[in-house]
């Protein structure tokens, strides 16, 4: 079969993006020295992965014989690690293969982003979105951690791309593939679990007269989306029925997110010991409130609102969204989740220049993202056209994640998987403005 010139162009662009993205991520991994990389969340994921590989047990317990126990952690990433542990022979091999795989998944995410951008933008502009994703310091640095971000971002972008193609072609196999990928992403982070059904409900209500999706499409998509998580939930409900379970993670993060700045300030020394994102450690009354159940949590949150309505309303309406999109992460700060001796950005002047540039323009990118939303919804009367399905899917995803984390904890780390969408919307804003200016200049030239 003869390859057309436009296909050769696509192959060339994708190959360059894939190779460059992988090389950049592997350079970061090879030229970064972590201080105790297996700690906190990473340690728990690794322990569960080891126990799954060695004992078929989902637990963080250690010992020669362990059994599955109720855990906070979602199952997807530990199973991913367990697969790597099964094919490696030492901790160093496990670490090498995990980081190499994550670098590849990060590079593939850039390629997915390019193809998603092509739904909205010409080739040069789509390359721009992919380039921003490729150079994003947060997305690069996350490949070096035994944490969920890289795997989740890869699955999220893959599911989104498949869904957009499925909606365009109305193909049940593609709906099944998209749903399955969303299902895997849900198992990595269950925060996603309401999104597929919310997405379908929105399209059924918004396009109720257009029949943009068939009943069969819906059944295939939703079944594929929830079969994995549903099976896991059913198994764990039976397996741990008679076991004492830890307090609900949802309840903990709901309460932790109610502290202004996600920090506990009522300490005699005037400064929290553990800092931002660690209110559960600083507040001596935290466990007492959480152990009373959801009624106790809502009662305490309600009390805070009634005592200082302006402060807490401002926190939820403005403070939380601002924190969610900010550059610096909790704990180690900047782009780091855990402390490091040095990173690639410290050792390479060109790399550091890209990081400084991305940090400088980060507020501009966030403003442009919001500007696009304003520009887009000024055309509200045209949104019933089913040609708007791709962009509405993107916007629904952004609104969904923001709403969830405004209710819970707005940690900047949780916005990292949305970076490709942030860059896409920011570039779309520039493109829309460019098109408007170009149209006006064309009209002026015609009149002249």
Foldseek 3Di string as FASTA:
>chain_A
DDDDPVNVVLVVLLVVLLVLLLVLLVLFLVFFFFDCQCDDPNVLLLQQLVCCLPPVERGNDDDDHDHHDFDQAQPLLSVVLNVLVNVDDDPVSSLVVQLSVLSNLLSVLLSLLLLLLVLPDDNVLSSVLSVCSSLPPLSSVVSNHSALQSVLLSLVSVLLSLVVVCLVVVDLVSLLVSLLSLQSSCSNPVLCVCPLVVLVVCCCVLQVPPCSHDPSSSVSNPCSNCVVVVVVVVVCCVVCVPPDHDQHPQLLQLLLQQPQQSADQPDPVRHFPQDHVVNVPRDPCSVVQSVVDPVSSVVVSVVVCVVPVVRRVCCLPPVLLCQLQAQWFPDCTGSDPHDTPDTSLRVDVVSVVSSVVCNVCSVVLQVLLVLLVVVVCVVVVPCSPCSCSSVVSLVSVVVSQSVSCSSGPSTNSSCVSVSSSSSSSSSVSVVVVVVVVVVVVVVVVVVD
